Amino acid sequence: MLKRRRRKGDRNERLCLGCRQLRDKRNLVRVAAFRDGRVIIDEAKKLGGRGVYVCPYADCVIAATKKRGWGHGFKRPIDAKTLNELLSQLKRHILWMTGDLARLC
């Protein structure tokens, strides 16, 4: 019987939604989506709901948005209003090192 290999190397590693790189969970921002449609940033990384992780860099947030990765990561469609609210919440959590949120338009 073959053993299944883990895609993740360490239990504390998560895949970034934007750059698709495995990173340590502590260095990522977790966003949780609930069945009632709410999408919030999970600062404690312990809330329920479907969670996705993204690097705290503007380029990764932009890449996740352009690739429509949010809906894929949450496994449900996300409407434009909710996405705009999420992006405005993420402004406080990301580093504006290389990207600019204006490139989304």
Foldseek 3Di string as FASTA:
>chain_A
DDDDDDPADDPQWAAALQPRDTDGVVQWWKWFADPVGAIGTDPVPDDDHQIHTHGQAPNSVLRNVVVVSVCVSNVHHHDPVNSVVHVVNSVVRHDDDPDDPVVND
